[in-house]
């Protein structure tokens, strides 16, 4: 895995004086560690979201998570929109839409597929970005190796390692999440550079909550109104919202400010392994030999690509 020196070579230094906030100086965490922490938060968040799908539905739980995240981020960052260019606002709005699509589609996929399988198919998005930004033959080789791992996990992603039982709707949602993930990486990099701190994230998550509102408000209202303890249910949703999307999206935005998009894209290829591990521990989803081989390919590609990026 990459070290702090790898991150330092990837930092883009802007001309002119740029004072560093004292807190940021003290919390100079290596960018790859931010990525790994974000991945564990995402997968733990989606695993803990599954009990909420029953009373609230997938769309209701997703809407409430995004709404709670928007309230938290708006309260913390208090973003100022006055004076912003139309391009900056449009980028934040587009990021909100693809974030909503990614969150909703991935939640629907893991409701129908094993977490490791869904996360691996979703990784096709970062893989596409990695291949698009490849500048050396070795970069393309590692991306193709990761793609081979994706293929193994997709073909043998059923429970116990077989193909039987893979839900076609779940597969379609996972591929849709992959397309949104690619846009998320590209737009997060742009929004992170245009907005101060996490103001852009607060704006984008608010847009994401508004995008999911038409689909989620009905199931969410029905679930809350029929729950024995609606306030407890809302508290659970808020807790999960911190794990997904508040903490991971903030960490990923920080990492993308310090890493090239290609390096970030292949670093997150660890996500299928993290997802499979969390699925095993939290949801007791057992992996087959082919699934483990696929994860090994993906992890090897991630490590090799990161090491090859050192100057």
C-alpha atoms as a PDB file:
ATOM      1  CA  UNK A   1       0.000   0.000   0.000  1.00  0.00           C
ATOM      2  CA  UNK A   2       1.131   3.533  -0.633  1.00  0.00           C
ATOM      3  CA  UNK A   3       2.969   5.519   2.045  1.00  0.00           C
ATOM      4  CA  UNK A   4       2.811   9.173   2.991  1.00  0.00           C
ATOM      5  CA  UNK A   5       5.659   9.933   0.571  1.00  0.00           C
ATOM      6  CA  UNK A   6       3.492   8.666  -2.274  1.00  0.00           C
ATOM      7  CA  UNK A   7       0.811  11.174  -1.364  1.00  0.00           C
ATOM      8  CA  UNK A   8       3.282  14.030  -1.126  1.00  0.00           C
ATOM      9  CA  UNK A   9       4.408  13.534  -4.714  1.00  0.00           C
ATOM     10  CA  UNK A  10       0.794  13.630  -5.853  1.00  0.00           C
ATOM     11  CA  UNK A  11      -0.074  16.949  -4.203  1.00  0.00           C
ATOM     12  CA  UNK A  12      -0.776  19.743  -6.652  1.00  0.00           C
ATOM     13  CA  UNK A  13       0.730  22.940  -5.202  1.00  0.00           C
ATOM     14  CA  UNK A  14      -1.143  26.059  -6.230  1.00  0.00           C
ATOM     15  CA  UNK A  15       0.807  29.255  -6.874  1.00  0.00           C
ATOM     16  CA  UNK A  16       0.844  31.961  -4.229  1.00  0.00           C
ATOM     17  CA  UNK A  17       0.590  31.744  -0.452  1.00  0.00           C
ATOM     18  CA  UNK A  18      -1.891  29.261   0.940  1.00  0.00           C
ATOM     19  CA  UNK A  19      -2.083  29.189   4.739  1.00  0.00           C
ATOM     20  CA  UNK A  20      -2.620  25.763   6.254  1.00  0.00           C
ATOM     21  CA  UNK A  21      -5.236  25.384   8.944  1.00  0.00           C
ATOM     22  CA  UNK A  22      -3.646  24.166  12.235  1.00  0.00           C
ATOM     23  CA  UNK A  23      -6.075  21.257  12.507  1.00  0.00           C
ATOM     24  CA  UNK A  24      -5.248  20.152   8.977  1.00  0.00           C
ATOM     25  CA  UNK A  25      -1.518  20.326   9.811  1.00  0.00           C
ATOM     26  CA  UNK A  26      -2.002  18.080  12.817  1.00  0.00           C
ATOM     27  CA  UNK A  27      -4.187  15.606  10.932  1.00  0.00           C
ATOM     28  CA  UNK A  28      -1.871  14.997   7.987  1.00  0.00           C
ATOM     29  CA  UNK A  29      -3.118  11.440   7.447  1.00  0.00           C
ATOM     30  CA  UNK A  30      -1.788   9.592   4.368  1.00  0.00           C
ATOM     31  CA  UNK A  31      -4.352   9.733   1.562  1.00  0.00           C
ATOM     32  CA  UNK A  32      -4.420   5.929   1.004  1.00  0.00           C
ATOM     33  CA  UNK A  33      -5.375   5.485   4.679  1.00  0.00           C
ATOM     34  CA  UNK A  34      -8.248   7.924   4.153  1.00  0.00           C
ATOM     35  CA  UNK A  35      -9.434   5.791   1.219  1.00  0.00           C
ATOM     36  CA  UNK A  36      -9.321   2.541   3.207  1.00  0.00           C
ATOM     37  CA  UNK A  37     -11.122   4.111   6.177  1.00  0.00           C
ATOM     38  CA  UNK A  38     -13.779   5.467   3.830  1.00  0.00           C
ATOM     39  CA  UNK A  39     -14.285   2.028   2.285  1.00  0.00           C
ATOM     40  CA  UNK A  40     -14.817   0.366   5.653  1.00  0.00           C
ATOM     41  CA  UNK A  41     -17.274   3.118   6.644  1.00  0.00           C
ATOM     42  CA  UNK A  42     -19.217   2.688   3.376  1.00  0.00           C
ATOM     43  CA  UNK A  43     -19.480  -1.078   3.651  1.00  0.00           C
ATOM     44  CA  UNK A  44     -20.314  -1.044   7.354  1.00  0.00           C
ATOM     45  CA  UNK A  45     -22.914   1.618   6.654  1.00  0.00           C
ATOM     46  CA  UNK A  46     -24.557  -0.375   3.877  1.00  0.00           C
ATOM     47  CA  UNK A  47     -24.501  -3.554   5.998  1.00  0.00           C
ATOM     48  CA  UNK A  48     -26.160  -1.754   8.901  1.00  0.00           C
ATOM     49  CA  UNK A  49     -28.664  -0.207   6.485  1.00  0.00           C
ATOM     50  CA  UNK A  50     -30.144  -3.572   5.548  1.00  0.00           C
ATOM     51  CA  UNK A  51     -32.262  -3.880   8.734  1.00  0.00           C
ATOM     52  CA  UNK A  52     -33.753  -0.490   7.802  1.00  0.00           C
ATOM     53  CA  UNK A  53     -34.882  -1.746   4.382  1.00  0.00           C
ATOM     54  CA  UNK A  54     -37.661  -3.759   6.019  1.00  0.00           C
ATOM     55  CA  UNK A  55     -39.603  -0.959   7.739  1.00  0.00           C
ATOM     56  CA  UNK A  56     -38.579   1.867   5.374  1.00  0.00           C
ATOM     57  CA  UNK A  57     -37.905   0.200   2.038  1.00  0.00           C
ATOM     58  CA  UNK A  58     -34.701   0.698   0.040  1.00  0.00           C
ATOM     59  CA  UNK A  59     -35.762   4.070  -1.353  1.00  0.00           C
ATOM     60  CA  UNK A  60     -37.169   5.296   1.981  1.00  0.00           C
ATOM     61  CA  UNK A  61     -34.044   4.348   3.931  1.00  0.00           C
ATOM     62  CA  UNK A  62     -31.795   5.897   1.275  1.00  0.00           C
ATOM     63  CA  UNK A  63     -33.770   9.159   1.226  1.00  0.00           C
ATOM     64  CA  UNK A  64     -33.728   9.468   5.016  1.00  0.00           C
ATOM     65  CA  UNK A  65     -29.983   8.732   5.151  1.00  0.00           C
ATOM     66  CA  UNK A  66     -29.244  11.426   2.576  1.00  0.00           C
ATOM     67  CA  UNK A  67     -31.618  13.882   4.260  1.00  0.00           C
ATOM     68  CA  UNK A  68     -29.991  13.311   7.661  1.00  0.00           C
ATOM     69  CA  UNK A  69     -26.539  13.660   6.109  1.00  0.00           C
ATOM     70  CA  UNK A  70     -27.587  16.907   4.407  1.00  0.00           C
ATOM     71  CA  UNK A  71     -28.837  18.379   7.683  1.00  0.00           C
ATOM     72  CA  UNK A  72     -25.585  17.445   9.460  1.00  0.00           C
ATOM     73  CA  UNK A  73     -23.334  18.823   6.716  1.00  0.00           C
ATOM     74  CA  UNK A  74     -25.329  22.023   6.258  1.00  0.00           C
ATOM     75  CA  UNK A  75     -25.227  22.688   9.995  1.00  0.00           C
ATOM     76  CA  UNK A  76     -21.476  22.071  10.193  1.00  0.00           C
ATOM     77  CA  UNK A  77     -20.267  23.798   7.020  1.00  0.00           C
ATOM     78  CA  UNK A  78     -22.915  26.505   6.409  1.00  0.00           C
ATOM     79  CA  UNK A  79     -21.978  26.788   2.726  1.00  0.00           C
ATOM     80  CA  UNK A  80     -22.136  30.172   1.034  1.00  0.00           C
ATOM     81  CA  UNK A  81     -23.543  30.072  -2.503  1.00  0.00           C
ATOM     82  CA  UNK A  82     -23.440  33.817  -3.177  1.00  0.00           C
ATOM     83  CA  UNK A  83     -20.673  34.677  -5.604  1.00  0.00           C
ATOM     84  CA  UNK A  84     -20.287  31.118  -6.848  1.00  0.00           C
ATOM     85  CA  UNK A  85     -19.973  30.629 -10.591  1.00  0.00           C
ATOM     86  CA  UNK A  86     -22.625  28.701 -12.470  1.00  0.00           C
ATOM     87  CA  UNK A  87     -20.020  26.092 -13.337  1.00  0.00           C
ATOM     88  CA  UNK A  88     -19.180  25.457  -9.671  1.00  0.00           C
ATOM     89  CA  UNK A  89     -22.851  25.189  -8.716  1.00  0.00           C
ATOM     90  CA  UNK A  90     -23.570  22.924 -11.680  1.00  0.00           C
ATOM     91  CA  UNK A  91     -20.680  20.623 -10.704  1.00  0.00           C
ATOM     92  CA  UNK A  92     -21.976  20.375  -7.134  1.00  0.00           C
ATOM     93  CA  UNK A  93     -25.493  19.701  -8.402  1.00  0.00           C
ATOM     94  CA  UNK A  94     -24.302  16.986 -10.782  1.00  0.00           C
ATOM     95  CA  UNK A  95     -22.268  15.427  -7.976  1.00  0.00           C
ATOM     96  CA  UNK A  96     -25.414  15.358  -5.860  1.00  0.00           C
ATOM     97  CA  UNK A  97     -27.346  13.593  -8.607  1.00  0.00           C
ATOM     98  CA  UNK A  98     -24.714  10.916  -9.258  1.00  0.00           C
ATOM     99  CA  UNK A  99     -24.206  10.455  -5.488  1.00  0.00           C
ATOM    100  CA  UNK A 100     -27.933   9.898  -5.082  1.00  0.00           C
ATOM    101  CA  UNK A 101     -27.964   7.458  -7.992  1.00  0.00           C
ATOM    102  CA  UNK A 102     -24.931   5.578  -6.690  1.00  0.00           C
ATOM    103  CA  UNK A 103     -26.320   5.363  -3.145  1.00  0.00           C
ATOM    104  CA  UNK A 104     -29.800   4.298  -4.227  1.00  0.00           C
ATOM    105  CA  UNK A 105     -28.663   1.775  -6.855  1.00  0.00           C
ATOM    106  CA  UNK A 106     -26.029   0.216  -4.615  1.00  0.00           C
ATOM    107  CA  UNK A 107     -28.509  -0.108  -1.758  1.00  0.00           C
ATOM    108  CA  UNK A 108     -30.928  -1.840  -4.125  1.00  0.00           C
ATOM    109  CA  UNK A 109     -28.151  -4.119  -5.385  1.00  0.00           C
ATOM    110  CA  UNK A 110     -27.041  -5.292  -1.928  1.00  0.00           C
ATOM    111  CA  UNK A 111     -30.686  -5.914  -1.055  1.00  0.00           C
ATOM    112  CA  UNK A 112     -30.687  -8.540  -3.844  1.00  0.00           C
ATOM    113  CA  UNK A 113     -27.032  -9.664  -4.145  1.00  0.00           C
ATOM    114  CA  UNK A 114     -24.189 -10.609  -1.778  1.00  0.00           C
ATOM    115  CA  UNK A 115     -22.298  -7.498  -0.717  1.00  0.00           C
ATOM    116  CA  UNK A 116     -19.000  -8.651  -2.250  1.00  0.00           C
ATOM    117  CA  UNK A 117     -20.599  -9.279  -5.626  1.00  0.00           C
ATOM    118  CA  UNK A 118     -22.440  -5.962  -5.679  1.00  0.00           C
ATOM    119  CA  UNK A 119     -19.356  -3.999  -4.611  1.00  0.00           C
ATOM    120  CA  UNK A 120     -17.206  -5.710  -7.236  1.00  0.00           C
ATOM    121  CA  UNK A 121     -19.582  -4.894 -10.072  1.00  0.00           C
ATOM    122  CA  UNK A 122     -19.793  -1.323  -8.766  1.00  0.00           C
ATOM    123  CA  UNK A 123     -15.994  -1.195  -9.004  1.00  0.00           C
ATOM    124  CA  UNK A 124     -16.312  -1.248 -12.804  1.00  0.00           C
ATOM    125  CA  UNK A 125     -16.836   2.514 -12.481  1.00  0.00           C
ATOM    126  CA  UNK A 126     -13.492   3.298 -10.809  1.00  0.00           C
ATOM    127  CA  UNK A 127     -11.861   0.717 -13.097  1.00  0.00           C
ATOM    128  CA  UNK A 128     -13.106   2.601 -16.156  1.00  0.00           C
ATOM    129  CA  UNK A 129     -11.681   5.848 -14.761  1.00  0.00           C
ATOM    130  CA  UNK A 130      -8.350   4.146 -14.016  1.00  0.00           C
ATOM    131  CA  UNK A 131      -8.109   2.823 -17.571  1.00  0.00           C
ATOM    132  CA  UNK A 132      -9.119   6.180 -19.068  1.00  0.00           C
ATOM    133  CA  UNK A 133      -6.295   7.949 -17.206  1.00  0.00           C
ATOM    134  CA  UNK A 134      -3.669   5.221 -17.760  1.00  0.00           C
ATOM    135  CA  UNK A 135      -0.408   6.642 -19.131  1.00  0.00           C
ATOM    136  CA  UNK A 136       1.836   3.584 -19.000  1.00  0.00           C
ATOM    137  CA  UNK A 137       1.421   0.025 -20.178  1.00  0.00           C
ATOM    138  CA  UNK A 138       1.821  -1.189 -16.571  1.00  0.00           C
ATOM    139  CA  UNK A 139      -1.107   0.977 -15.480  1.00  0.00           C
ATOM    140  CA  UNK A 140      -3.330  -0.672 -18.063  1.00  0.00           C
ATOM    141  CA  UNK A 141      -2.038  -4.107 -17.017  1.00  0.00           C
ATOM    142  CA  UNK A 142      -3.021  -3.575 -13.387  1.00  0.00           C
ATOM    143  CA  UNK A 143      -6.424  -2.255 -14.395  1.00  0.00           C
ATOM    144  CA  UNK A 144      -6.974  -5.344 -16.573  1.00  0.00           C
ATOM    145  CA  UNK A 145      -5.905  -7.613 -13.701  1.00  0.00           C
ATOM    146  CA  UNK A 146      -8.474  -5.915 -11.497  1.00  0.00           C
ATOM    147  CA  UNK A 147     -11.004  -6.393 -14.298  1.00  0.00           C
ATOM    148  CA  UNK A 148     -10.240 -10.129 -14.271  1.00  0.00           C
ATOM    149  CA  UNK A 149     -11.014 -10.194 -10.563  1.00  0.00           C
ATOM    150  CA  UNK A 150     -14.265  -8.384 -11.253  1.00  0.00           C
ATOM    151  CA  UNK A 151     -15.159 -10.998 -13.867  1.00  0.00           C
ATOM    152  CA  UNK A 152     -14.460 -13.869 -11.469  1.00  0.00           C
ATOM    153  CA  UNK A 153     -16.568 -12.360  -8.727  1.00  0.00           C
ATOM    154  CA  UNK A 154     -19.369 -11.555 -11.164  1.00  0.00           C
ATOM    155  CA  UNK A 155     -19.449 -15.010 -12.724  1.00  0.00           C
ATOM    156  CA  UNK A 156     -19.156 -16.835  -9.397  1.00  0.00           C
ATOM    157  CA  UNK A 157     -20.805 -14.268  -7.179  1.00  0.00           C
ATOM    158  CA  UNK A 158     -23.749 -16.348  -6.017  1.00  0.00           C
ATOM    159  CA  UNK A 159     -24.086 -17.585  -2.479  1.00  0.00           C
ATOM    160  CA  UNK A 160     -21.431 -20.198  -1.801  1.00  0.00           C
ATOM    161  CA  UNK A 161     -19.537 -19.261  -4.950  1.00  0.00           C
ATOM    162  CA  UNK A 162     -22.031 -20.314  -7.606  1.00  0.00           C
ATOM    163  CA  UNK A 163     -23.909 -18.388 -10.260  1.00  0.00           C
ATOM    164  CA  UNK A 164     -27.344 -19.698  -9.232  1.00  0.00           C
ATOM    165  CA  UNK A 165     -29.502 -17.151  -7.516  1.00  0.00           C
ATOM    166  CA  UNK A 166     -27.971 -13.961  -8.925  1.00  0.00           C
ATOM    167  CA  UNK A 167     -30.879 -11.575  -9.253  1.00  0.00           C
ATOM    168  CA  UNK A 168     -30.961  -9.834 -12.692  1.00  0.00           C
ATOM    169  CA  UNK A 169     -32.500  -6.691 -11.219  1.00  0.00           C
ATOM    170  CA  UNK A 170     -29.769  -6.625  -8.591  1.00  0.00           C
ATOM    171  CA  UNK A 171     -27.123  -7.004 -11.300  1.00  0.00           C
ATOM    172  CA  UNK A 172     -28.670  -4.151 -13.286  1.00  0.00           C
ATOM    173  CA  UNK A 173     -28.680  -1.914 -10.212  1.00  0.00           C
ATOM    174  CA  UNK A 174     -25.038  -2.785  -9.496  1.00  0.00           C
ATOM    175  CA  UNK A 175     -24.015  -1.840 -13.045  1.00  0.00           C
ATOM    176  CA  UNK A 176     -25.985   1.410 -12.736  1.00  0.00           C
ATOM    177  CA  UNK A 177     -24.150   2.115  -9.468  1.00  0.00           C
ATOM    178  CA  UNK A 178     -20.865   1.535 -11.329  1.00  0.00           C
ATOM    179  CA  UNK A 179     -21.745   4.180 -13.915  1.00  0.00           C
ATOM    180  CA  UNK A 180     -22.650   6.630 -11.135  1.00  0.00           C
ATOM    181  CA  UNK A 181     -19.424   5.775  -9.286  1.00  0.00           C
ATOM    182  CA  UNK A 182     -17.330   6.823 -12.298  1.00  0.00           C
ATOM    183  CA  UNK A 183     -19.105  10.171 -12.421  1.00  0.00           C
ATOM    184  CA  UNK A 184     -18.777  10.516  -8.654  1.00  0.00           C
ATOM    185  CA  UNK A 185     -14.970  10.202  -8.826  1.00  0.00           C
ATOM    186  CA  UNK A 186     -14.619  12.757 -11.609  1.00  0.00           C
ATOM    187  CA  UNK A 187     -17.034  15.260 -10.061  1.00  0.00           C
ATOM    188  CA  UNK A 188     -15.774  14.887  -6.476  1.00  0.00           C
ATOM    189  CA  UNK A 189     -12.310  15.877  -7.639  1.00  0.00           C
ATOM    190  CA  UNK A 190     -13.725  18.968  -9.378  1.00  0.00           C
ATOM    191  CA  UNK A 191     -16.050  20.005  -6.539  1.00  0.00           C
ATOM    192  CA  UNK A 192     -13.339  19.464  -3.932  1.00  0.00           C
ATOM    193  CA  UNK A 193     -11.072  21.853  -5.831  1.00  0.00           C
ATOM    194  CA  UNK A 194     -13.788  24.500  -6.320  1.00  0.00           C
ATOM    195  CA  UNK A 195     -15.287  24.690  -2.830  1.00  0.00           C
ATOM    196  CA  UNK A 196     -13.668  25.428   0.494  1.00  0.00           C
ATOM    197  CA  UNK A 197     -13.559  22.586   3.001  1.00  0.00           C
ATOM    198  CA  UNK A 198     -16.643  20.403   2.713  1.00  0.00           C
ATOM    199  CA  UNK A 199     -19.045  23.101   1.546  1.00  0.00           C
ATOM    200  CA  UNK A 200     -19.325  21.457  -1.862  1.00  0.00           C
ATOM    201  CA  UNK A 201     -20.095  18.122  -0.218  1.00  0.00           C
ATOM    202  CA  UNK A 202     -22.877  19.721   1.827  1.00  0.00           C
ATOM    203  CA  UNK A 203     -24.415  21.230  -1.311  1.00  0.00           C
ATOM    204  CA  UNK A 204     -24.146  17.994  -3.294  1.00  0.00           C
ATOM    205  CA  UNK A 205     -25.633  15.813  -0.544  1.00  0.00           C
ATOM    206  CA  UNK A 206     -28.515  18.263  -0.189  1.00  0.00           C
ATOM    207  CA  UNK A 207     -29.165  17.951  -3.922  1.00  0.00           C
ATOM    208  CA  UNK A 208     -28.941  14.167  -3.571  1.00  0.00           C
ATOM    209  CA  UNK A 209     -31.568  14.188  -0.825  1.00  0.00           C
ATOM    210  CA  UNK A 210     -33.887  16.297  -3.008  1.00  0.00           C
ATOM    211  CA  UNK A 211     -33.347  13.937  -5.967  1.00  0.00           C
ATOM    212  CA  UNK A 212     -34.357  10.885  -3.925  1.00  0.00           C
ATOM    213  CA  UNK A 213     -37.262  12.647  -2.210  1.00  0.00           C
ATOM    214  CA  UNK A 214     -39.944  11.717  -4.821  1.00  0.00           C
ATOM    215  CA  UNK A 215     -39.026   8.026  -4.605  1.00  0.00           C
ATOM    216  CA  UNK A 216     -38.358   7.833  -0.889  1.00  0.00           C
ATOM    217  CA  UNK A 217     -40.803  10.127   0.883  1.00  0.00           C
ATOM    218  CA  UNK A 218     -43.766   7.740   0.575  1.00  0.00           C
ATOM    219  CA  UNK A 219     -42.033   4.584   1.908  1.00  0.00           C
ATOM    220  CA  UNK A 220     -40.225   6.649   4.563  1.00  0.00           C
ATOM    221  CA  UNK A 221     -43.457   8.230   5.829  1.00  0.00           C
ATOM    222  CA  UNK A 222     -45.262   4.892   5.841  1.00  0.00           C
ATOM    223  CA  UNK A 223     -42.408   3.216   7.734  1.00  0.00           C
ATOM    224  CA  UNK A 224     -42.117   5.951  10.342  1.00  0.00           C
ATOM    225  CA  UNK A 225     -45.858   6.306  10.888  1.00  0.00           C
ATOM    226  CA  UNK A 226     -46.330   2.572  11.394  1.00  0.00           C
ATOM    227  CA  UNK A 227     -43.225   2.040  13.553  1.00  0.00           C
ATOM    228  CA  UNK A 228     -43.585   1.343  17.275  1.00  0.00           C
ATOM    229  CA  UNK A 229     -40.699   3.721  17.988  1.00  0.00           C
ATOM    230  CA  UNK A 230     -40.368   6.219  15.093  1.00  0.00           C
ATOM    231  CA  UNK A 231     -37.861   8.407  16.938  1.00  0.00           C
ATOM    232  CA  UNK A 232     -35.648   5.404  17.587  1.00  0.00           C
ATOM    233  CA  UNK A 233     -35.877   4.510  13.900  1.00  0.00           C
ATOM    234  CA  UNK A 234     -34.896   8.069  12.942  1.00  0.00           C
ATOM    235  CA  UNK A 235     -31.974   7.916  15.365  1.00  0.00           C
ATOM    236  CA  UNK A 236     -30.798   4.676  13.772  1.00  0.00           C
ATOM    237  CA  UNK A 237     -31.024   6.265  10.305  1.00  0.00           C
ATOM    238  CA  UNK A 238     -28.991   9.262  11.500  1.00  0.00           C
ATOM    239  CA  UNK A 239     -26.301   6.987  12.918  1.00  0.00           C
ATOM    240  CA  UNK A 240     -26.065   5.060   9.668  1.00  0.00           C
ATOM    241  CA  UNK A 241     -25.970   8.372   7.748  1.00  0.00           C
ATOM    242  CA  UNK A 242     -22.716   9.228   9.519  1.00  0.00           C
ATOM    243  CA  UNK A 243     -21.204   5.983   8.229  1.00  0.00           C
ATOM    244  CA  UNK A 244     -22.736   6.478   4.800  1.00  0.00           C
ATOM    245  CA  UNK A 245     -22.435   9.071   3.322  1.00  0.00           C
ATOM    246  CA  UNK A 246     -21.044  11.750   5.714  1.00  0.00           C
ATOM    247  CA  UNK A 247     -17.750  10.237   6.889  1.00  0.00           C
ATOM    248  CA  UNK A 248     -16.683   8.292   3.754  1.00  0.00           C
ATOM    249  CA  UNK A 249     -17.598  11.019   1.261  1.00  0.00           C
ATOM    250  CA  UNK A 250     -15.669  13.594   3.316  1.00  0.00           C
ATOM    251  CA  UNK A 251     -12.647  11.291   3.524  1.00  0.00           C
ATOM    252  CA  UNK A 252     -12.789  10.514  -0.193  1.00  0.00           C
ATOM    253  CA  UNK A 253     -13.011  14.197  -1.083  1.00  0.00           C
ATOM    254  CA  UNK A 254      -9.937  14.828   1.075  1.00  0.00           C
ATOM    255  CA  UNK A 255      -8.077  11.953  -0.574  1.00  0.00           C
ATOM    256  CA  UNK A 256      -8.966  13.121  -4.085  1.00  0.00           C
ATOM    257  CA  UNK A 257      -7.480  16.532  -3.292  1.00  0.00           C
ATOM    258  CA  UNK A 258      -4.138  14.810  -2.708  1.00  0.00           C
ATOM    259  CA  UNK A 259      -4.135  11.888  -5.139  1.00  0.00           C
ATOM    260  CA  UNK A 260      -4.413  11.648  -8.941  1.00  0.00           C
ATOM    261  CA  UNK A 261      -7.779  10.269 -10.071  1.00  0.00           C
ATOM    262  CA  UNK A 262      -6.124   7.173 -11.585  1.00  0.00           C
ATOM    263  CA  UNK A 263      -4.363   6.251  -8.327  1.00  0.00           C
ATOM    264  CA  UNK A 264      -7.550   6.820  -6.314  1.00  0.00           C
ATOM    265  CA  UNK A 265      -9.575   4.738  -8.774  1.00  0.00           C
ATOM    266  CA  UNK A 266      -7.369   1.679  -8.437  1.00  0.00           C
ATOM    267  CA  UNK A 267      -6.909   2.173  -4.682  1.00  0.00           C
ATOM    268  CA  UNK A 268     -10.636   1.769  -4.198  1.00  0.00           C
ATOM    269  CA  UNK A 269     -10.388  -1.607  -5.908  1.00  0.00           C
ATOM    270  CA  UNK A 270      -9.901  -2.841  -2.347  1.00  0.00           C
ATOM    271  CA  UNK A 271     -13.601  -2.155  -1.847  1.00  0.00           C
ATOM    272  CA  UNK A 272     -14.798  -5.616  -3.015  1.00  0.00           C
ATOM    273  CA  UNK A 273     -12.487  -7.241  -0.465  1.00  0.00           C
ATOM    274  CA  UNK A 274     -13.662  -4.882   2.271  1.00  0.00           C
ATOM    275  CA  UNK A 275     -17.285  -5.465   1.270  1.00  0.00           C
ATOM    276  CA  UNK A 276     -16.850  -9.237   1.297  1.00  0.00           C
ATOM    277  CA  UNK A 277     -15.177  -9.081   4.722  1.00  0.00           C
ATOM    278  CA  UNK A 278     -17.923  -6.894   6.203  1.00  0.00           C
ATOM    279  CA  UNK A 279     -20.572  -9.103   4.572  1.00  0.00           C
ATOM    280  CA  UNK A 280     -18.982 -12.171   6.158  1.00  0.00           C
ATOM    281  CA  UNK A 281     -18.653 -10.665   9.640  1.00  0.00           C
ATOM    282  CA  UNK A 282     -21.905  -8.682   9.834  1.00  0.00           C
ATOM    283  CA  UNK A 283     -24.255 -10.564   7.493  1.00  0.00           C
ATOM    284  CA  UNK A 284     -22.598 -14.027   7.550  1.00  0.00           C
ATOM    285  CA  UNK A 285     -22.254 -14.163   3.736  1.00  0.00           C
ATOM    286  CA  UNK A 286     -19.828 -17.018   2.968  1.00  0.00           C
ATOM    287  CA  UNK A 287     -17.313 -16.731   0.108  1.00  0.00           C
ATOM    288  CA  UNK A 288     -16.365 -19.413  -2.408  1.00  0.00           C
ATOM    289  CA  UNK A 289     -12.893 -20.190  -3.762  1.00  0.00           C
ATOM    290  CA  UNK A 290     -13.527 -18.360  -7.049  1.00  0.00           C
ATOM    291  CA  UNK A 291     -14.717 -15.304  -5.156  1.00  0.00           C
ATOM    292  CA  UNK A 292     -11.549 -15.302  -3.046  1.00  0.00           C
ATOM    293  CA  UNK A 293      -9.440 -15.626  -6.215  1.00  0.00           C
ATOM    294  CA  UNK A 294     -11.272 -12.676  -7.751  1.00  0.00           C
ATOM    295  CA  UNK A 295     -10.707 -10.563  -4.652  1.00  0.00           C
ATOM    296  CA  UNK A 296      -6.999 -11.523  -4.686  1.00  0.00           C
ATOM    297  CA  UNK A 297      -6.709 -10.261  -8.283  1.00  0.00           C
ATOM    298  CA  UNK A 298      -8.370  -6.985  -7.378  1.00  0.00           C
ATOM    299  CA  UNK A 299      -6.218  -6.420  -4.289  1.00  0.00           C
ATOM    300  CA  UNK A 300      -3.023  -7.298  -6.193  1.00  0.00           C
ATOM    301  CA  UNK A 301      -3.931  -4.780  -8.887  1.00  0.00           C
ATOM    302  CA  UNK A 302      -4.566  -2.108  -6.263  1.00  0.00           C
ATOM    303  CA  UNK A 303      -1.248  -2.638  -4.455  1.00  0.00           C
ATOM    304  CA  UNK A 304       0.792  -2.929  -7.672  1.00  0.00           C
ATOM    305  CA  UNK A 305      -0.746   0.195  -9.195  1.00  0.00           C
ATOM    306  CA  UNK A 306      -0.090   2.211  -6.039  1.00  0.00           C
ATOM    307  CA  UNK A 307       3.533   1.076  -5.790  1.00  0.00           C
ATOM    308  CA  UNK A 308       4.080   1.744  -9.502  1.00  0.00           C
ATOM    309  CA  UNK A 309       2.898   5.320  -8.968  1.00  0.00           C
ATOM    310  CA  UNK A 310       5.839   6.153  -6.677  1.00  0.00           C
ATOM    311  CA  UNK A 311       8.426   8.465  -8.258  1.00  0.00           C
END
